[in-house]
Every structure is written in C-alpha cells, then in structure tokens.
PDB file of N, CA and C in Angstrom:
ATOM      1  N   MET A   1       0.895  -1.301   0.100  1.00  0.00           N
ATOM      2  CA  MET A   1      -0.327   0.026   0.101  1.00  0.00           C
ATOM      3  C   MET A   1       0.937   1.305   0.201  1.00  0.00           C
ATOM      4  N   LYS A   2       1.747   1.119   0.881  1.00  0.00           N
ATOM      5  CA  LYS A   2       2.856   2.640   0.774  1.00  0.00           C
ATOM      6  C   LYS A   2       3.730   2.583  -0.620  1.00  0.00           C
ATOM      7  N   HIS A   3       3.808   2.126  -1.136  1.00  0.00           N
ATOM      8  CA  HIS A   3       4.091   2.241  -2.753  1.00  0.00           C
ATOM      9  C   HIS A   3       3.576   2.671  -3.435  1.00  0.00           C
ATOM     10  N   ILE A   4       2.033   2.235  -3.568  1.00  0.00           N
ATOM     11  CA  ILE A   4       1.293   2.882  -4.121  1.00  0.00           C
ATOM     12  C   ILE A   4       0.962   4.505  -4.129  1.00  0.00           C
ATOM     13  N   VAL A   5       0.775   4.701  -2.860  1.00  0.00           N
ATOM     14  CA  VAL A   5       0.815   6.291  -2.362  1.00  0.00           C
ATOM     15  C   VAL A   5       2.119   6.827  -2.404  1.00  0.00           C
ATOM     16  N   LYS A   6       3.271   6.210  -2.923  1.00  0.00           N
ATOM     17  CA  LYS A   6       4.623   6.736  -3.002  1.00  0.00           C
ATOM     18  C   LYS A   6       4.484   7.510  -4.549  1.00  0.00           C
ATOM     19  N   ILE A   7       3.856   6.280  -5.631  1.00  0.00           N
ATOM     20  CA  ILE A   7       3.548   6.232  -7.002  1.00  0.00           C
ATOM     21  C   ILE A   7       2.534   7.270  -7.006  1.00  0.00           C
ATOM     22  N   ILE A   8       1.563   7.409  -6.679  1.00  0.00           N
ATOM     23  CA  ILE A   8       0.554   8.421  -6.657  1.00  0.00           C
ATOM     24  C   ILE A   8       1.077   9.874  -6.343  1.00  0.00           C
ATOM     25  N   ALA A   9       2.169  10.255  -5.284  1.00  0.00           N
ATOM     26  CA  ALA A   9       2.205  10.963  -4.753  1.00  0.00           C
ATOM     27  C   ALA A   9       3.743  11.620  -6.005  1.00  0.00           C
ATOM     28  N   LEU A  10       3.854  10.847  -6.646  1.00  0.00           N
ATOM     29  CA  LEU A  10       5.018  10.991  -7.531  1.00  0.00           C
ATOM     30  C   LEU A  10       4.245  11.947  -8.947  1.00  0.00           C
ATOM     31  N   LEU A  11       3.332  11.256  -9.283  1.00  0.00           N
ATOM     32  CA  LEU A  11       2.532  11.607 -10.065  1.00  0.00           C
ATOM     33  C   LEU A  11       1.604  12.631 -10.199  1.00  0.00           C
ATOM     34  N   VAL A  12       0.991  13.141  -8.761  1.00  0.00           N
ATOM     35  CA  VAL A  12       0.959  14.665  -8.633  1.00  0.00           C
ATOM     36  C   VAL A  12       2.016  15.399  -8.797  1.00  0.00           C
ATOM     37  N   ALA A  13       3.004  15.098  -8.039  1.00  0.00           N
ATOM     38  CA  ALA A  13       3.600  16.566  -8.283  1.00  0.00           C
ATOM     39  C   ALA A  13       4.688  16.548  -9.425  1.00  0.00           C
ATOM     40  N   ILE A  14       4.590  15.497 -10.651  1.00  0.00           N
ATOM     41  CA  ILE A  14       4.915  15.514 -12.402  1.00  0.00           C
ATOM     42  C   ILE A  14       3.826  15.958 -12.736  1.00  0.00           C
ATOM     43  N   SER A  15       2.703  16.301 -12.107  1.00  0.00           N
ATOM     44  CA  SER A  15       1.274  16.907 -12.999  1.00  0.00           C
ATOM     45  C   SER A  15       1.460  18.112 -12.739  1.00  0.00           C
ATOM     46  N   SER A  16       1.869  18.452 -11.023  1.00  0.00           N
ATOM     47  CA  SER A  16       1.664  20.002 -11.024  1.00  0.00           C
ATOM     48  C   SER A  16       2.601  20.545 -12.029  1.00  0.00           C
ATOM     49  N   VAL A  17       3.760  20.445 -11.681  1.00  0.00           N
ATOM     50  CA  VAL A  17       4.995  21.004 -12.257  1.00  0.00           C
ATOM     51  C   VAL A  17       4.272  21.217 -13.918  1.00  0.00           C
ATOM     52  N   TRP A  18       4.237  20.025 -14.416  1.00  0.00           N
ATOM     53  CA  TRP A  18       3.916  20.216 -15.758  1.00  0.00           C
ATOM     54  C   TRP A  18       2.796  21.279 -16.138  1.00  0.00           C
ATOM     55  N   ILE A  19       1.489  21.043 -15.165  1.00  0.00           N
ATOM     56  CA  ILE A  19       0.880  22.226 -15.432  1.00  0.00           C
ATOM     57  C   ILE A  19       1.008  23.530 -14.770  1.00  0.00           C
ATOM     58  N   GLY A  20       1.955  23.381 -14.011  1.00  0.00           N
ATOM     59  CA  GLY A  20       2.611  25.027 -13.630  1.00  0.00           C
ATOM     60  C   GLY A  20       3.583  25.203 -14.735  1.00  0.00           C
ATOM     61  N   LEU A  21       4.358  24.650 -15.659  1.00  0.00           N
ATOM     62  CA  LEU A  21       5.191  25.074 -17.041  1.00  0.00           C
ATOM     63  C   LEU A  21       4.204  25.502 -17.955  1.00  0.00           C
ATOM     64  N   LEU A  22       3.143  24.695 -18.082  1.00  0.00           N
ATOM     65  CA  LEU A  22       1.799  25.209 -19.382  1.00  0.00           C
ATOM     66  C   LEU A  22       1.515  26.827 -18.773  1.00  0.00           C
ATOM     67  N   GLN A  23       1.481  26.902 -17.534  1.00  0.00           N
ATOM     68  CA  GLN A  23       0.326  28.040 -16.857  1.00  0.00           C
ATOM     69  C   GLN A  23       1.387  29.310 -17.090  1.00  0.00           C
ATOM     70  N   ALA A  24       2.787  29.393 -16.553  1.00  0.00           N
ATOM     71  CA  ALA A  24       3.624  30.250 -16.836  1.00  0.00           C
ATOM     72  C   ALA A  24       4.629  30.438 -17.785  1.00  0.00           C
ATOM     73  N   SER A  25       4.372  30.008 -18.682  1.00  0.00           N
ATOM     74  CA  SER A  25       4.958  29.923 -19.957  1.00  0.00           C
ATOM     75  C   SER A  25       6.630  30.015 -20.057  1.00  0.00           C
ATOM     76  N   ILE A  26       7.188  29.341 -19.306  1.00  0.00           N
ATOM     77  CA  ILE A  26       8.557  29.647 -18.924  1.00  0.00           C
ATOM     78  C   ILE A  26       9.194  28.952 -20.439  1.00  0.00           C
ATOM     79  N   ILE A  27       8.567  27.817 -20.494  1.00  0.00           N
ATOM     80  CA  ILE A  27       9.083  27.256 -21.689  1.00  0.00           C
ATOM     81  C   ILE A  27       8.241  27.255 -22.507  1.00  0.00           C
ATOM     82  N   PRO A  28       8.773  27.149 -23.717  1.00  0.00           N
ATOM     83  CA  PRO A  28       7.880  27.063 -25.103  1.00  0.00           C
ATOM     84  C   PRO A  28       6.451  26.128 -25.051  1.00  0.00           C
ATOM     85  N   ARG A  29       5.369  26.734 -25.335  1.00  0.00           N
ATOM     86  CA  ARG A  29       3.969  25.854 -25.215  1.00  0.00           C
ATOM     87  C   ARG A  29       4.262  24.389 -25.896  1.00  0.00           C
ATOM     88  N   SER A  30       4.685  24.577 -27.476  1.00  0.00           N
ATOM     89  CA  SER A  30       5.303  23.484 -28.129  1.00  0.00           C
ATOM     90  C   SER A  30       5.959  22.394 -27.617  1.00  0.00           C
ATOM     91  N   ASN A  31       7.034  23.097 -26.472  1.00  0.00           N
ATOM     92  CA  ASN A  31       7.938  22.217 -26.134  1.00  0.00           C
ATOM     93  C   ASN A  31       7.215  21.597 -24.613  1.00  0.00           C
ATOM     94  N   THR A  32       6.637  22.411 -24.207  1.00  0.00           N
ATOM     95  CA  THR A  32       5.879  21.646 -22.913  1.00  0.00           C
ATOM     96  C   THR A  32       4.899  20.517 -22.987  1.00  0.00           C
ATOM     97  N   TRP A  33       4.351  20.582 -24.027  1.00  0.00           N
ATOM     98  CA  TRP A  33       3.010  19.260 -24.346  1.00  0.00           C
ATOM     99  C   TRP A  33       3.703  18.440 -24.079  1.00  0.00           C
ATOM    100  N   LEU A  34       5.108  18.101 -25.170  1.00  0.00           N
ATOM    101  CA  LEU A  34       5.869  17.158 -25.294  1.00  0.00           C
ATOM    102  C   LEU A  34       6.777  16.500 -23.833  1.00  0.00           C
ATOM    103  N   LEU A  35       6.136  17.118 -22.706  1.00  0.00           N
ATOM    104  CA  LEU A  35       7.111  16.941 -21.423  1.00  0.00           C
ATOM    105  C   LEU A  35       6.450  15.299 -20.947  1.00  0.00           C
ATOM    106  N   PRO A  36       5.398  14.884 -21.209  1.00  0.00           N
ATOM    107  CA  PRO A  36       5.106  13.753 -20.675  1.00  0.00           C
ATOM    108  C   PRO A  36       5.573  12.580 -21.625  1.00  0.00           C
ATOM    109  N   VAL A  37       5.724  12.790 -22.609  1.00  0.00           N
ATOM    110  CA  VAL A  37       6.098  11.683 -23.503  1.00  0.00           C
ATOM    111  C   VAL A  37       7.884  11.649 -23.151  1.00  0.00           C
ATOM    112  N   TYR A  38       8.742  12.595 -23.161  1.00  0.00           N
ATOM    113  CA  TYR A  38       9.884  12.869 -22.590  1.00  0.00           C
ATOM    114  C   TYR A  38       9.915  11.817 -21.485  1.00  0.00           C
ATOM    115  N   LEU A  39       8.854  12.537 -20.662  1.00  0.00           N
ATOM    116  CA  LEU A  39       8.822  11.585 -19.342  1.00  0.00           C
ATOM    117  C   LEU A  39       9.202  10.056 -19.634  1.00  0.00           C
ATOM    118  N   ILE A  40       7.950   9.530 -20.103  1.00  0.00           N
ATOM    119  CA  ILE A  40       7.557   7.918 -20.349  1.00  0.00           C
ATOM    120  C   ILE A  40       9.146   7.474 -21.058  1.00  0.00           C
ATOM    121  N   ILE A  41       9.732   8.028 -22.030  1.00  0.00           N
ATOM    122  CA  ILE A  41      10.997   7.916 -22.785  1.00  0.00           C
ATOM    123  C   ILE A  41      12.452   7.884 -22.211  1.00  0.00           C
ATOM    124  N   MET A  42      12.106   8.657 -21.169  1.00  0.00           N
ATOM    125  CA  MET A  42      13.529   8.613 -20.115  1.00  0.00           C
ATOM    126  C   MET A  42      13.140   7.281 -19.170  1.00  0.00           C
ATOM    127  N   LEU A  43      11.554   7.193 -18.985  1.00  0.00           N
ATOM    128  CA  LEU A  43      11.326   6.296 -17.905  1.00  0.00           C
ATOM    129  C   LEU A  43      11.908   4.740 -18.037  1.00  0.00           C
ATOM    130  N   GLY A  44      11.279   4.993 -19.643  1.00  0.00           N
ATOM    131  CA  GLY A  44      11.921   3.511 -20.553  1.00  0.00           C
ATOM    132  C   GLY A  44      13.499   3.413 -20.463  1.00  0.00           C
ATOM    133  N   CYS A  45      14.150   4.709 -21.118  1.00  0.00           N
ATOM    134  CA  CYS A  45      15.730   4.819 -20.647  1.00  0.00           C
ATOM    135  C   CYS A  45      16.300   3.941 -19.547  1.00  0.00           C
ATOM    136  N   TYR A  46      15.199   4.585 -18.433  1.00  0.00           N
ATOM    137  CA  TYR A  46      15.760   4.032 -17.247  1.00  0.00           C
ATOM    138  C   TYR A  46      15.697   2.684 -16.837  1.00  0.00           C
ATOM    139  N   GLY A  47      14.455   2.527 -16.901  1.00  0.00           N
ATOM    140  CA  GLY A  47      13.830   0.635 -17.095  1.00  0.00           C
ATOM    141  C   GLY A  47      15.087   0.093 -17.101  1.00  0.00           C
ATOM    142  N   LEU A  48      15.503   0.175 -18.844  1.00  0.00           N
ATOM    143  CA  LEU A  48      16.829  -0.576 -19.870  1.00  0.00           C
ATOM    144  C   LEU A  48      17.942  -0.464 -18.647  1.00  0.00           C
ATOM    145  N   LEU A  49      18.321   0.699 -18.405  1.00  0.00           N
ATOM    146  CA  LEU A  49      19.447   0.826 -18.104  1.00  0.00           C
ATOM    147  C   LEU A  49      19.614  -0.468 -16.649  1.00  0.00           C
ATOM    148  N   MET A  50      18.508  -0.101 -15.657  1.00  0.00           N
ATOM    149  CA  MET A  50      18.169  -0.910 -14.365  1.00  0.00           C
ATOM    150  C   MET A  50      18.561  -2.790 -14.841  1.00  0.00           C
ATOM    151  N   VAL A  51      17.730  -2.762 -15.984  1.00  0.00           N
ATOM    152  CA  VAL A  51      17.993  -3.980 -16.052  1.00  0.00           C
ATOM    153  C   VAL A  51      19.253  -4.575 -16.551  1.00  0.00           C
ATOM    154  N   GLY A  52      19.838  -3.652 -17.421  1.00  0.00           N
ATOM    155  CA  GLY A  52      21.504  -4.076 -18.035  1.00  0.00           C
ATOM    156  C   GLY A  52      22.475  -4.165 -16.737  1.00  0.00           C
ATOM    157  N   ILE A  53      21.780  -2.834 -15.839  1.00  0.00           N
ATOM    158  CA  ILE A  53      23.059  -3.206 -14.343  1.00  0.00           C
ATOM    159  C   ILE A  53      22.776  -4.290 -13.742  1.00  0.00           C
ATOM    160  N   GLY A  54      21.734  -4.715 -13.672  1.00  0.00           N
ATOM    161  CA  GLY A  54      21.348  -5.828 -12.545  1.00  0.00           C
ATOM    162  C   GLY A  54      21.847  -7.294 -13.240  1.00  0.00           C
ATOM    163  N   LEU A  55      21.874  -7.451 -15.234  1.00  0.00           N
ATOM    164  CA  LEU A  55      22.654  -8.585 -15.831  1.00  0.00           C
ATOM    165  C   LEU A  55      23.658  -8.429 -15.597  1.00  0.00           C
ATOM    166  N   ILE A  56      24.164  -7.109 -15.775  1.00  0.00           N
ATOM    167  CA  ILE A  56      26.508  -7.108 -15.501  1.00  0.00           C
ATOM    168  C   ILE A  56      26.291  -7.351 -14.181  1.00  0.00           C
ATOM    169  N   GLN A  57      25.521  -7.409 -13.151  1.00  0.00           N
ATOM    170  CA  GLN A  57      25.885  -7.558 -11.741  1.00  0.00           C
ATOM    171  C   GLN A  57      25.822  -8.789 -11.205  1.00  0.00           C
ATOM    172  N   PHE A  58      24.776  -9.648 -12.277  1.00  0.00           N
ATOM    173  CA  PHE A  58      24.325 -10.843 -11.668  1.00  0.00           C
ATOM    174  C   PHE A  58      25.213 -12.005 -11.550  1.00  0.00           C
ATOM    175  N   ARG A  59      25.486 -12.603  -9.778  1.00  0.00           N
ATOM    176  CA  ARG A  59      26.438 -13.386  -9.922  1.00  0.00           C
ATOM    177  C   ARG A  59      26.191 -14.769 -10.066  1.00  0.00           C
ATOM    178  N   THR A  60      26.918 -15.360 -10.367  1.00  0.00           N
ATOM    179  CA  THR A  60      26.571 -17.234 -10.597  1.00  0.00           C
ATOM    180  C   THR A  60      26.566 -17.600  -9.200  1.00  0.00           C
ATOM    181  N   CYS A  61      25.954 -18.790  -8.841  1.00  0.00           N
ATOM    182  CA  CYS A  61      26.099 -19.282  -7.845  1.00  0.00           C
ATOM    183  C   CYS A  61      26.269 -21.218  -8.208  1.00  0.00           C
ATOM    184  N   PRO A  62      27.773 -21.492  -8.140  1.00  0.00           N
ATOM    185  CA  PRO A  62      27.947 -22.247  -8.963  1.00  0.00           C
ATOM    186  C   PRO A  62      27.660 -23.500  -7.360  1.00  0.00           C
ATOM    187  N   HIS A  63      27.778 -23.389  -6.466  1.00  0.00           N
ATOM    188  CA  HIS A  63      27.121 -24.477  -5.343  1.00  0.00           C
ATOM    189  C   HIS A  63      25.606 -24.692  -5.701  1.00  0.00           C
ATOM    190  N   GLU A  64      24.873 -23.570  -5.821  1.00  0.00           N
ATOM    191  CA  GLU A  64      23.623 -24.092  -6.123  1.00  0.00           C
ATOM    192  C   GLU A  64      23.120 -24.148  -7.559  1.00  0.00           C
ATOM    193  N   ALA A  65      24.043 -24.299  -9.200  1.00  0.00           N
ATOM    194  CA  ALA A  65      23.793 -24.892  -9.976  1.00  0.00           C
ATOM    195  C   ALA A  65      24.076 -26.473  -9.616  1.00  0.00           C
ATOM    196  N   ILE A  66      25.044 -26.935  -8.854  1.00  0.00           N
ATOM    197  CA  ILE A  66      25.573 -28.454  -8.541  1.00  0.00           C
ATOM    198  C   ILE A  66      23.961 -28.923  -7.663  1.00  0.00           C
ATOM    199  N   LEU A  67      23.935 -28.057  -6.693  1.00  0.00           N
ATOM    200  CA  LEU A  67      22.376 -28.801  -5.769  1.00  0.00           C
ATOM    201  C   LEU A  67      21.228 -28.834  -6.838  1.00  0.00           C
ATOM    202  N   LEU A  68      21.059 -27.770  -7.777  1.00  0.00           N
ATOM    203  CA  LEU A  68      19.915 -28.064  -8.789  1.00  0.00           C
ATOM    204  C   LEU A  68      20.090 -29.116  -9.921  1.00  0.00           C
ATOM    205  N   GLN A  69      21.146 -29.478 -10.165  1.00  0.00           N
ATOM    206  CA  GLN A  69      21.758 -30.617 -10.836  1.00  0.00           C
ATOM    207  C   GLN A  69      21.199 -32.202 -10.215  1.00  0.00           C
ATOM    208  N   GLN A  70      21.577 -31.770  -8.756  1.00  0.00           N
ATOM    209  CA  GLN A  70      21.539 -33.022  -8.174  1.00  0.00           C
ATOM    210  C   GLN A  70      19.588 -33.409  -8.115  1.00  0.00           C
ATOM    211  N   ASP A  71      18.914 -31.985  -8.182  1.00  0.00           N
ATOM    212  CA  ASP A  71      17.757 -32.714  -7.873  1.00  0.00           C
ATOM    213  C   ASP A  71      17.212 -32.969  -9.041  1.00  0.00           C
ATOM    214  N   VAL A  72      17.758 -32.583 -10.362  1.00  0.00           N
ATOM    215  CA  VAL A  72      17.193 -32.974 -11.434  1.00  0.00           C
ATOM    216  C   VAL A  72      17.878 -34.308 -11.915  1.00  0.00           C
ATOM    217  N   ILE A  73      18.455 -34.812 -11.369  1.00  0.00           N
ATOM    218  CA  ILE A  73      18.967 -36.395 -11.536  1.00  0.00           C
ATOM    219  C   ILE A  73      18.031 -37.004 -10.552  1.00  0.00           C
ATOM    220  N   GLU A  74      17.913 -36.669  -9.250  1.00  0.00           N
ATOM    221  CA  GLU A  74      16.840 -37.348  -8.490  1.00  0.00           C
ATOM    222  C   GLU A  74      15.315 -37.467  -9.042  1.00  0.00           C
ATOM    223  N   ALA A  75      14.938 -36.317  -9.228  1.00  0.00           N
ATOM    224  CA  ALA A  75      13.953 -36.414  -9.963  1.00  0.00           C
ATOM    225  C   ALA A  75      13.842 -37.292 -11.245  1.00  0.00           C
ATOM    226  N   LYS A  76      14.882 -37.147 -12.278  1.00  0.00           N
ATOM    227  CA  LYS A  76      13.911 -38.337 -13.621  1.00  0.00           C
ATOM    228  C   LYS A  76      14.908 -39.569 -12.365  1.00  0.00           C
ATOM    229  N   GLU A  77      15.393 -39.945 -11.663  1.00  0.00           N
ATOM    230  CA  GLU A  77      15.514 -41.365 -10.937  1.00  0.00           C
ATOM    231  C   GLU A  77      13.981 -41.609 -10.511  1.00  0.00           C
ATOM    232  N   PHE A  78      13.226 -40.857  -9.913  1.00  0.00           N
ATOM    233  CA  PHE A  78      11.975 -40.918  -9.311  1.00  0.00           C
ATOM    234  C   PHE A  78      10.711 -41.404 -10.723  1.00  0.00           C
ATOM    235  N   LEU A  79      10.836 -40.636 -11.364  1.00  0.00           N
ATOM    236  CA  LEU A  79      10.114 -40.893 -12.352  1.00  0.00           C
ATOM    237  C   LEU A  79      10.675 -42.021 -13.274  1.00  0.00           C
ATOM    238  N   LYS A  80      11.523 -42.312 -13.668  1.00  0.00           N
ATOM    239  CA  LYS A  80      11.702 -43.659 -13.665  1.00  0.00           C
ATOM    240  C   LYS A  80      11.274 -44.815 -12.901  1.00  0.00           C
ATOM    241  N   ALA A  81      11.369 -44.377 -12.186  1.00  0.00           N
ATOM    242  CA  ALA A  81      10.931 -45.578 -11.016  1.00  0.00           C
ATOM    243  C   ALA A  81       9.422 -45.675 -11.131  1.00  0.00           C
ATOM    244  N   LYS A  82       8.604 -44.382 -11.442  1.00  0.00           N
ATOM    245  CA  LYS A  82       7.672 -44.775 -11.728  1.00  0.00           C
ATOM    246  C   LYS A  82       6.725 -44.966 -13.056  1.00  0.00           C
ATOM    247  N   GLY A  83       7.805 -45.189 -13.899  1.00  0.00           N
ATOM    248  CA  GLY A  83       7.270 -45.680 -15.532  1.00  0.00           C
ATOM    249  C   GLY A  83       7.522 -44.663 -16.362  1.00  0.00           C
ATOM    250  N   VAL A  84       7.898 -43.718 -15.921  1.00  0.00           N
ATOM    251  CA  VAL A  84       7.910 -42.171 -16.948  1.00  0.00           C
ATOM    252  C   VAL A  84       8.848 -42.193 -17.887  1.00  0.00           C
ATOM    253  N   ASP A  85       8.959 -42.065 -19.239  1.00  0.00           N
ATOM    254  CA  ASP A  85      10.055 -41.902 -20.168  1.00  0.00           C
ATOM    255  C   ASP A  85      10.489 -41.000 -19.645  1.00  0.00           C
ATOM    256  N   VAL A  86      11.609 -40.222 -19.202  1.00  0.00           N
ATOM    257  CA  VAL A  86      12.404 -39.234 -19.046  1.00  0.00           C
ATOM    258  C   VAL A  86      13.242 -39.087 -20.380  1.00  0.00           C
ATOM    259  N   GLY A  87      13.213 -39.309 -21.375  1.00  0.00           N
ATOM    260  CA  GLY A  87      14.197 -39.111 -22.328  1.00  0.00           C
ATOM    261  C   GLY A  87      15.728 -39.844 -21.806  1.00  0.00           C
ATOM    262  N   SER A  88      16.765 -39.932 -22.602  1.00  0.00           N
ATOM    263  CA  SER A  88      18.059 -40.657 -22.528  1.00  0.00           C
ATOM    264  C   SER A  88      19.111 -38.870 -22.375  1.00  0.00           C
ATOM    265  N   ASP A  89      19.809 -39.886 -21.613  1.00  0.00           N
ATOM    266  CA  ASP A  89      20.919 -38.865 -20.906  1.00  0.00           C
ATOM    267  C   ASP A  89      22.099 -39.404 -21.933  1.00  0.00           C
TER     268      ASP A  89
END
C-alpha cells in the first residue's frame, strides 16, 4: 500500500509541475506539451539501464547449480521408478 501512495504522490507532483510550466509559459508551449512523452521515454531508458546493470552485476552461484543438477537427477530417477519416460541421458 505504501508503494502505491508513493507512486500517486510522484504522479501528482509531476502533473503539478507540468501544469505549472504550461501556465507560466517559462518553456515554449510547443515543448511543454511534449514533456509527458519525454518523461515516458526517460522512464523506459531508466528501466532498460536498471535491467542492464542488474544483468552485469548478476552473480553466478556454482554451489546452487550443483544442487540443482542433483535435484534434476533425483527427479529423473523418481520418474523412471514410476515408469515415466524422461528421455535419454
């Protein structure tokens, strides 16, 4: 619930700044109308940047990979015991 309140507060703040810029004519009106589009493009770029940084900093877990392989082998053996064809190894 708190996250939704933060998002709504941010949207209200951005909207009020945008409306203020429209009313004050500090920035030319033709550019002011495009500010929401610029904001959405910047938000998309920020999201892609965060995904890229997350992928770069993603750590591999060799111990967890070994445990996962053991689980797969155990599951295959269990299914073979039940008569399920799990493919060839």
